[in-house]
All heavy atoms as atom14 arrays in JSON, in Angstrom:
{
  "sequence": "TARAIEADIYSAIPTEKVDGTCCYVTTYKGQPYLWAR",
  "atom14_mask": [
    [1, 1, 1, 1, 1, 1, 1, 0, 0, 0, 0, 0, 0, 0],
    [1, 1, 1, 1, 1, 0, 0, 0, 0, 0, 0, 0, 0, 0],
    [1, 1, 1, 1, 1, 1, 1, 1, 1, 1, 1, 0, 0, 0],
    [1, 1, 1, 1, 1, 0, 0, 0, 0, 0, 0, 0, 0, 0],
    [1, 1, 1, 1, 1, 1, 1, 1, 0, 0, 0, 0, 0, 0],
    [1, 1, 1, 1, 1, 1, 1, 1, 1, 0, 0, 0, 0, 0],
    [1, 1, 1, 1, 1, 0, 0, 0, 0, 0, 0, 0, 0, 0],
    [1, 1, 1, 1, 1, 1, 1, 1, 0, 0, 0, 0, 0, 0],
    [1, 1, 1, 1, 1, 1, 1, 1, 0, 0, 0, 0, 0, 0],
    [1, 1, 1, 1, 1, 1, 1, 1, 1, 1, 1, 1, 0, 0],
    [1, 1, 1, 1, 1, 1, 0, 0, 0, 0, 0, 0, 0, 0],
    [1, 1, 1, 1, 1, 0, 0, 0, 0, 0, 0, 0, 0, 0],
    [1, 1, 1, 1, 1, 1, 1, 1, 0, 0, 0, 0, 0, 0],
    [1, 1, 1, 1, 1, 1, 1, 0, 0, 0, 0, 0, 0, 0],
    [1, 1, 1, 1, 1, 1, 1, 0, 0, 0, 0, 0, 0, 0],
    [1, 1, 1, 1, 1, 1, 1, 1, 1, 0, 0, 0, 0, 0],
    [1, 1, 1, 1, 1, 1, 1, 1, 1, 0, 0, 0, 0, 0],
    [1, 1, 1, 1, 1, 1, 1, 0, 0, 0, 0, 0, 0, 0],
    [1, 1, 1, 1, 1, 1, 1, 1, 0, 0, 0, 0, 0, 0],
    [1, 1, 1, 1, 0, 0, 0, 0, 0, 0, 0, 0, 0, 0],
    [1, 1, 1, 1, 1, 1, 1, 0, 0, 0, 0, 0, 0, 0],
    [1, 1, 1, 1, 1, 1, 0, 0, 0, 0, 0, 0, 0, 0],
    [1, 1, 1, 1, 1, 1, 0, 0, 0, 0, 0, 0, 0, 0],
    [1, 1, 1, 1, 1, 1, 1, 1, 1, 1, 1, 1, 0, 0],
    [1, 1, 1, 1, 1, 1, 1, 0, 0, 0, 0, 0, 0, 0],
    [1, 1, 1, 1, 1, 1, 1, 0, 0, 0, 0, 0, 0, 0],
    [1, 1, 1, 1, 1, 1, 1, 0, 0, 0, 0, 0, 0, 0],
    [1, 1, 1, 1, 1, 1, 1, 1, 1, 1, 1, 1, 0, 0],
    [1, 1, 1, 1, 1, 1, 1, 1, 1, 0, 0, 0, 0, 0],
    [1, 1, 1, 1, 0, 0, 0, 0, 0, 0, 0, 0, 0, 0],
    [1, 1, 1, 1, 1, 1, 1, 1, 1, 0, 0, 0, 0, 0],
    [1, 1, 1, 1, 1, 1, 1, 0, 0, 0, 0, 0, 0, 0],
    [1, 1, 1, 1, 1, 1, 1, 1, 1, 1, 1, 1, 0, 0],
    [1, 1, 1, 1, 1, 1, 1, 1, 0, 0, 0, 0, 0, 0],
    [1, 1, 1, 1, 1, 1, 1, 1, 1, 1, 1, 1, 1, 1],
    [1, 1, 1, 1, 1, 0, 0, 0, 0, 0, 0, 0, 0, 0],
    [1, 1, 1, 1, 1, 1, 1, 1, 1, 1, 1, 0, 0, 0]
  ],
  "atom14_positions": [
    [[-14.16, 11.35, 7.08], [-14.95, 10.8, 5.98], [-15.72, 9.55, 6.41], [-15.33, 8.82, 7.32], [-14.06, 10.41, 4.78], [-13.18, 9.35, 5.17], [-13.24, 11.6, 4.29], [0.0, 0.0, 0.0], [0.0, 0.0, 0.0], [0.0, 0.0, 0.0], [0.0, 0.0, 0.0], [0.0, 0.0, 0.0], [0.0, 0.0, 0.0], [0.0, 0.0, 0.0]],
    [[-16.82, 9.3, 5.69], [-17.64, 8.1, 5.96], [-16.82, 6.84, 5.71], [-16.98, 5.84, 6.42], [-18.88, 8.13, 5.07], [0.0, 0.0, 0.0], [0.0, 0.0, 0.0], [0.0, 0.0, 0.0], [0.0, 0.0, 0.0], [0.0, 0.0, 0.0], [0.0, 0.0, 0.0], [0.0, 0.0, 0.0], [0.0, 0.0, 0.0], [0.0, 0.0, 0.0]],
    [[-15.94, 6.87, 4.69], [-15.11, 5.7, 4.39], [-14.19, 5.37, 5.55], [-13.99, 4.2, 5.9], [-14.28, 5.96, 3.11], [-13.4, 4.78, 2.71], [-14.25, 3.6, 2.26], [-13.48, 2.38, 2.02], [-13.28, 1.42, 2.94], [-13.77, 1.56, 4.17], [-12.61, 0.33, 2.63], [0.0, 0.0, 0.0], [0.0, 0.0, 0.0], [0.0, 0.0, 0.0]],
    [[-13.61, 6.41, 6.17], [-12.72, 6.19, 7.31], [-13.49, 5.64, 8.5], [-13.0, 4.75, 9.21], [-12.01, 7.48, 7.68], [0.0, 0.0, 0.0], [0.0, 0.0, 0.0], [0.0, 0.0, 0.0], [0.0, 0.0, 0.0], [0.0, 0.0, 0.0], [0.0, 0.0, 0.0], [0.0, 0.0, 0.0], [0.0, 0.0, 0.0], [0.0, 0.0, 0.0]],
    [[-14.68, 6.15, 8.74], [-15.51, 5.66, 9.83], [-15.9, 4.2, 9.59], [-15.83, 3.35, 10.49], [-16.78, 6.52, 9.98], [-16.41, 7.97, 10.34], [-17.72, 5.93, 11.02], [-15.78, 8.15, 11.7], [0.0, 0.0, 0.0], [0.0, 0.0, 0.0], [0.0, 0.0, 0.0], [0.0, 0.0, 0.0], [0.0, 0.0, 0.0], [0.0, 0.0, 0.0]],
    [[-16.29, 3.91, 8.36], [-16.7, 2.55, 7.99], [-15.55, 1.57, 8.18], [-15.76, 0.41, 8.56], [-17.16, 2.55, 6.52], [-17.62, 1.22, 5.98], [-17.93, 1.29, 4.5], [-18.43, 2.34, 4.04], [-17.67, 0.3, 3.8], [0.0, 0.0, 0.0], [0.0, 0.0, 0.0], [0.0, 0.0, 0.0], [0.0, 0.0, 0.0], [0.0, 0.0, 0.0]],
    [[-14.32, 2.02, 7.92], [-13.14, 1.15, 8.05], [-12.62, 1.09, 9.49], [-11.59, 0.46, 9.75], [-12.04, 1.64, 7.12], [0.0, 0.0, 0.0], [0.0, 0.0, 0.0], [0.0, 0.0, 0.0], [0.0, 0.0, 0.0], [0.0, 0.0, 0.0], [0.0, 0.0, 0.0], [0.0, 0.0, 0.0], [0.0, 0.0, 0.0], [0.0, 0.0, 0.0]],
    [[-13.34, 1.74, 10.41], [-12.96, 1.77, 11.83], [-11.59, 2.4, 12.02], [-10.66, 1.79, 12.56], [-12.99, 0.35, 12.42], [-12.92, 0.36, 13.95], [-13.08, 1.45, 14.54], [-12.68, -0.71, 14.54], [0.0, 0.0, 0.0], [0.0, 0.0, 0.0], [0.0, 0.0, 0.0], [0.0, 0.0, 0.0], [0.0, 0.0, 0.0], [0.0, 0.0, 0.0]],
    [[-11.48, 3.64, 11.57], [-10.22, 4.37, 11.64], [-9.68, 4.48, 13.07], [-8.47, 4.53, 13.29], [-10.39, 5.79, 11.01], [-9.05, 6.54, 10.93], [-11.41, 6.61, 11.79], [-8.11, 6.01, 9.91], [0.0, 0.0, 0.0], [0.0, 0.0, 0.0], [0.0, 0.0, 0.0], [0.0, 0.0, 0.0], [0.0, 0.0, 0.0], [0.0, 0.0, 0.0]],
    [[-10.58, 4.43, 14.05], [-10.16, 4.61, 15.45], [-9.36, 3.41, 15.97], [-8.66, 3.52, 16.98], [-11.37, 4.88, 16.34], [-11.99, 6.24, 16.06], [-13.12, 6.35, 15.26], [-11.43, 7.4, 16.59], [-13.68, 7.59, 14.99], [-11.97, 8.64, 16.33], [-13.1, 8.74, 15.53], [-13.64, 9.96, 15.26], [0.0, 0.0, 0.0], [0.0, 0.0, 0.0]],
    [[-9.47, 2.27, 15.31], [-8.66, 1.11, 15.72], [-7.57, 0.79, 14.7], [-6.92, -0.25, 14.78], [-9.56, -0.12, 15.92], [-10.17, -0.5, 14.69], [0.0, 0.0, 0.0], [0.0, 0.0, 0.0], [0.0, 0.0, 0.0], [0.0, 0.0, 0.0], [0.0, 0.0, 0.0], [0.0, 0.0, 0.0], [0.0, 0.0, 0.0], [0.0, 0.0, 0.0]],
    [[-7.37, 1.69, 13.73], [-6.36, 1.47, 12.69], [-4.95, 1.7, 13.24], [-4.76, 2.35, 14.27], [-6.62, 2.41, 11.51], [0.0, 0.0, 0.0], [0.0, 0.0, 0.0], [0.0, 0.0, 0.0], [0.0, 0.0, 0.0], [0.0, 0.0, 0.0], [0.0, 0.0, 0.0], [0.0, 0.0, 0.0], [0.0, 0.0, 0.0], [0.0, 0.0, 0.0]],
    [[-3.96, 1.19, 12.52], [-2.56, 1.33, 12.91], [-1.95, 2.52, 12.16], [-1.88, 2.5, 10.91], [-1.76, 0.05, 12.6], [-2.32, -1.13, 13.39], [-0.28, 0.25, 12.91], [-1.75, -2.47, 13.0], [0.0, 0.0, 0.0], [0.0, 0.0, 0.0], [0.0, 0.0, 0.0], [0.0, 0.0, 0.0], [0.0, 0.0, 0.0], [0.0, 0.0, 0.0]],
    [[-1.51, 3.56, 12.87], [-0.9, 4.72, 12.2], [0.57, 4.43, 11.85], [1.32, 3.94, 12.69], [-1.0, 5.83, 13.24], [-0.99, 5.11, 14.55], [-1.61, 3.76, 14.32], [0.0, 0.0, 0.0], [0.0, 0.0, 0.0], [0.0, 0.0, 0.0], [0.0, 0.0, 0.0], [0.0, 0.0, 0.0], [0.0, 0.0, 0.0], [0.0, 0.0, 0.0]],
    [[0.95, 4.7, 10.62], [2.33, 4.46, 10.18], [2.88, 5.69, 9.45], [2.12, 6.54, 9.0], [2.41, 3.24, 9.23], [1.74, 3.56, 8.0], [1.76, 2.01, 9.85], [0.0, 0.0, 0.0], [0.0, 0.0, 0.0], [0.0, 0.0, 0.0], [0.0, 0.0, 0.0], [0.0, 0.0, 0.0], [0.0, 0.0, 0.0], [0.0, 0.0, 0.0]],
    [[4.19, 5.73, 9.34], [4.83, 6.85, 8.65], [4.62, 6.76, 7.15], [4.81, 5.71, 6.54], [6.33, 6.86, 8.94], [7.08, 7.97, 8.23], [8.57, 7.98, 8.49], [9.01, 7.36, 9.49], [9.31, 8.6, 7.7], [0.0, 0.0, 0.0], [0.0, 0.0, 0.0], [0.0, 0.0, 0.0], [0.0, 0.0, 0.0], [0.0, 0.0, 0.0]],
    [[4.21, 7.87, 6.55], [4.12, 7.97, 5.09], [5.51, 8.31, 4.58], [6.07, 9.35, 4.9], [3.12, 9.05, 4.69], [2.89, 9.18, 3.19], [1.83, 10.24, 2.91], [1.49, 10.3, 1.42], [2.61, 10.8, 0.6], [0.0, 0.0, 0.0], [0.0, 0.0, 0.0], [0.0, 0.0, 0.0], [0.0, 0.0, 0.0], [0.0, 0.0, 0.0]],
    [[6.08, 7.41, 3.8], [7.46, 7.55, 3.33], [7.47, 8.33, 2.01], [6.63, 8.12, 1.13], [8.12, 6.18, 3.16], [9.54, 6.3, 2.63], [8.13, 5.44, 4.5], [0.0, 0.0, 0.0], [0.0, 0.0, 0.0], [0.0, 0.0, 0.0], [0.0, 0.0, 0.0], [0.0, 0.0, 0.0], [0.0, 0.0, 0.0], [0.0, 0.0, 0.0]],
    [[8.44, 9.23, 1.87], [8.52, 10.13, 0.72], [9.43, 9.54, -0.36], [10.64, 9.73, -0.36], [9.06, 11.49, 1.17], [8.96, 12.55, 0.08], [8.47, 12.23, -1.02], [9.36, 13.7, 0.34], [0.0, 0.0, 0.0], [0.0, 0.0, 0.0], [0.0, 0.0, 0.0], [0.0, 0.0, 0.0], [0.0, 0.0, 0.0], [0.0, 0.0, 0.0]],
    [[8.82, 8.79, -1.29], [9.58, 8.19, -2.38], [8.7, 7.99, -3.59], [7.83, 8.8, -3.88], [0.0, 0.0, 0.0], [0.0, 0.0, 0.0], [0.0, 0.0, 0.0], [0.0, 0.0, 0.0], [0.0, 0.0, 0.0], [0.0, 0.0, 0.0], [0.0, 0.0, 0.0], [0.0, 0.0, 0.0], [0.0, 0.0, 0.0], [0.0, 0.0, 0.0]],
    [[8.91, 6.88, -4.3], [8.06, 6.55, -5.44], [7.57, 5.11, -5.27], [8.33, 4.22, -4.85], [8.81, 6.73, -6.79], [7.91, 6.49, -7.87], [10.0, 5.81, -6.92], [0.0, 0.0, 0.0], [0.0, 0.0, 0.0], [0.0, 0.0, 0.0], [0.0, 0.0, 0.0], [0.0, 0.0, 0.0], [0.0, 0.0, 0.0], [0.0, 0.0, 0.0]],
    [[6.31, 4.9, -5.57], [5.65, 3.64, -5.26], [6.08, 2.51, -6.21], [6.21, 2.72, -7.42], [4.14, 3.83, -5.32], [3.2, 2.51, -4.58], [0.0, 0.0, 0.0], [0.0, 0.0, 0.0], [0.0, 0.0, 0.0], [0.0, 0.0, 0.0], [0.0, 0.0, 0.0], [0.0, 0.0, 0.0], [0.0, 0.0, 0.0], [0.0, 0.0, 0.0]],
    [[6.28, 1.32, -5.64], [6.66, 0.13, -6.41], [5.79, -1.04, -5.98], [5.11, -0.99, -4.95], [8.13, -0.24, -6.17], [9.3, 1.05, -6.56], [0.0, 0.0, 0.0], [0.0, 0.0, 0.0], [0.0, 0.0, 0.0], [0.0, 0.0, 0.0], [0.0, 0.0, 0.0], [0.0, 0.0, 0.0], [0.0, 0.0, 0.0], [0.0, 0.0, 0.0]],
    [[5.86, -2.11, -6.75], [5.02, -3.28, -6.5], [5.84, -4.51, -6.88], [6.59, -4.5, -7.86], [3.76, -3.16, -7.36], [2.79, -4.3, -7.34], [2.43, -4.96, -6.17], [2.16, -4.7, -8.53], [1.49, -5.99, -6.18], [1.22, -5.72, -8.54], [0.89, -6.36, -7.36], [-0.04, -7.36, -7.37], [0.0, 0.0, 0.0], [0.0, 0.0, 0.0]],
    [[5.72, -5.58, -6.1], [6.39, -6.84, -6.43], [5.34, -7.87, -6.78], [4.48, -8.2, -5.97], [7.27, -7.35, -5.27], [7.88, -8.71, -5.62], [8.38, -6.35, -4.94], [0.0, 0.0, 0.0], [0.0, 0.0, 0.0], [0.0, 0.0, 0.0], [0.0, 0.0, 0.0], [0.0, 0.0, 0.0], [0.0, 0.0, 0.0], [0.0, 0.0, 0.0]],
    [[5.38, -8.34, -8.02], [4.49, -9.4, -8.47], [5.19, -10.2, -9.55], [6.32, -9.89, -9.95], [3.14, -8.84, -8.97], [2.2, -9.91, -9.11], [3.27, -8.11, -10.3], [0.0, 0.0, 0.0], [0.0, 0.0, 0.0], [0.0, 0.0, 0.0], [0.0, 0.0, 0.0], [0.0, 0.0, 0.0], [0.0, 0.0, 0.0], [0.0, 0.0, 0.0]],
    [[4.53, -11.23, -10.04], [5.19, -12.15, -10.97], [5.26, -11.59, -12.39], [4.33, -10.96, -12.87], [4.43, -13.49, -10.99], [4.35, -14.0, -9.66], [5.14, -14.51, -11.86], [0.0, 0.0, 0.0], [0.0, 0.0, 0.0], [0.0, 0.0, 0.0], [0.0, 0.0, 0.0], [0.0, 0.0, 0.0], [0.0, 0.0, 0.0], [0.0, 0.0, 0.0]],
    [[6.4, -11.84, -13.04], [6.62, -11.48, -14.45], [7.66, -12.45, -14.99], [8.64, -12.76, -14.32], [7.12, -10.04, -14.55], [7.42, -9.55, -15.95], [6.42, -9.47, -16.93], [8.71, -9.16, -16.31], [6.7, -9.02, -18.2], [9.0, -8.69, -17.58], [7.98, -8.63, -18.53], [8.26, -8.18, -19.81], [0.0, 0.0, 0.0], [0.0, 0.0, 0.0]],
    [[7.41, -12.97, -16.17], [8.32, -13.97, -16.76], [8.53, -15.17, -15.83], [9.62, -15.74, -15.76], [9.67, -13.32, -17.12], [9.59, -12.26, -18.19], [10.98, -11.69, -18.49], [10.94, -10.63, -19.58], [12.27, -10.05, -19.84], [0.0, 0.0, 0.0], [0.0, 0.0, 0.0], [0.0, 0.0, 0.0], [0.0, 0.0, 0.0], [0.0, 0.0, 0.0]],
    [[7.5, -15.49, -15.07], [7.56, -16.67, -14.22], [8.33, -16.52, -12.93], [8.6, -17.52, -12.25], [0.0, 0.0, 0.0], [0.0, 0.0, 0.0], [0.0, 0.0, 0.0], [0.0, 0.0, 0.0], [0.0, 0.0, 0.0], [0.0, 0.0, 0.0], [0.0, 0.0, 0.0], [0.0, 0.0, 0.0], [0.0, 0.0, 0.0], [0.0, 0.0, 0.0]],
    [[8.71, -15.29, -12.56], [9.44, -15.11, -11.3], [9.04, -13.78, -10.67], [8.48, -12.9, -11.34], [10.95, -15.13, -11.55], [11.5, -13.91, -12.31], [13.01, -13.94, -12.42], [13.56, -14.47, -13.38], [13.69, -13.38, -11.43], [0.0, 0.0, 0.0], [0.0, 0.0, 0.0], [0.0, 0.0, 0.0], [0.0, 0.0, 0.0], [0.0, 0.0, 0.0]],
    [[9.31, -13.6, -9.38], [8.98, -12.33, -8.72], [9.77, -11.18, -9.35], [10.98, -11.3, -9.56], [9.4, -12.56, -7.26], [9.44, -14.03, -7.1], [9.87, -14.58, -8.42], [0.0, 0.0, 0.0], [0.0, 0.0, 0.0], [0.0, 0.0, 0.0], [0.0, 0.0, 0.0], [0.0, 0.0, 0.0], [0.0, 0.0, 0.0], [0.0, 0.0, 0.0]],
    [[9.07, -10.08, -9.64], [9.69, -8.94, -10.31], [9.27, -7.64, -9.6], [8.19, -7.56, -9.03], [9.23, -8.88, -11.76], [10.32, -9.04, -12.8], [10.91, -10.29, -13.01], [10.75, -7.97, -13.58], [11.9, -10.45, -13.98], [11.73, -8.12, -14.54], [12.31, -9.37, -14.74], [13.29, -9.53, -15.69], [0.0, 0.0, 0.0], [0.0, 0.0, 0.0]],
    [[10.16, -6.66, -9.67], [9.82, -5.32, -9.2], [9.12, -4.56, -10.33], [9.58, -4.59, -11.47], [11.09, -4.57, -8.77], [10.87, -3.17, -8.18], [10.18, -3.26, -6.82], [12.21, -2.43, -8.03], [0.0, 0.0, 0.0], [0.0, 0.0, 0.0], [0.0, 0.0, 0.0], [0.0, 0.0, 0.0], [0.0, 0.0, 0.0], [0.0, 0.0, 0.0]],
    [[8.03, -3.88, -10.0], [7.27, -3.1, -10.97], [7.25, -1.63, -10.54], [7.15, -1.33, -9.34], [5.83, -3.61, -11.08], [5.7, -5.0, -11.63], [6.22, -6.15, -11.12], [5.01, -5.37, -12.83], [5.9, -7.22, -11.9], [5.15, -6.78, -12.96], [4.27, -4.68, -13.79], [4.59, -7.5, -14.02], [3.7, -5.38, -14.84], [3.86, -6.77, -14.95]],
    [[7.37, -0.73, -11.51], [7.33, 0.71, -11.24], [5.92, 1.24, -11.47], [5.18, 0.75, -12.34], [8.32, 1.44, -12.15], [0.0, 0.0, 0.0], [0.0, 0.0, 0.0], [0.0, 0.0, 0.0], [0.0, 0.0, 0.0], [0.0, 0.0, 0.0], [0.0, 0.0, 0.0], [0.0, 0.0, 0.0], [0.0, 0.0, 0.0], [0.0, 0.0, 0.0]],
    [[5.56, 2.25, -10.73], [4.24, 2.87, -10.87], [4.2, 3.66, -12.18], [5.08, 4.45, -12.48], [3.98, 3.82, -9.69], [2.64, 4.54, -9.72], [1.48, 3.58, -9.48], [0.24, 4.32, -9.4], [-0.31, 4.73, -8.26], [0.32, 4.49, -7.11], [-1.45, 5.36, -8.26], [0.0, 0.0, 0.0], [0.0, 0.0, 0.0], [0.0, 0.0, 0.0]]
  ]
}
């Protein structure tokens, strides 16, 4: 894809795609919290 070429995919770091469910850590109630997708 053009997007991959634009992002210089040839110098990108390949990593394992993990099979789970996505989460995010950001602030809630004034402290770091785990968020579910």
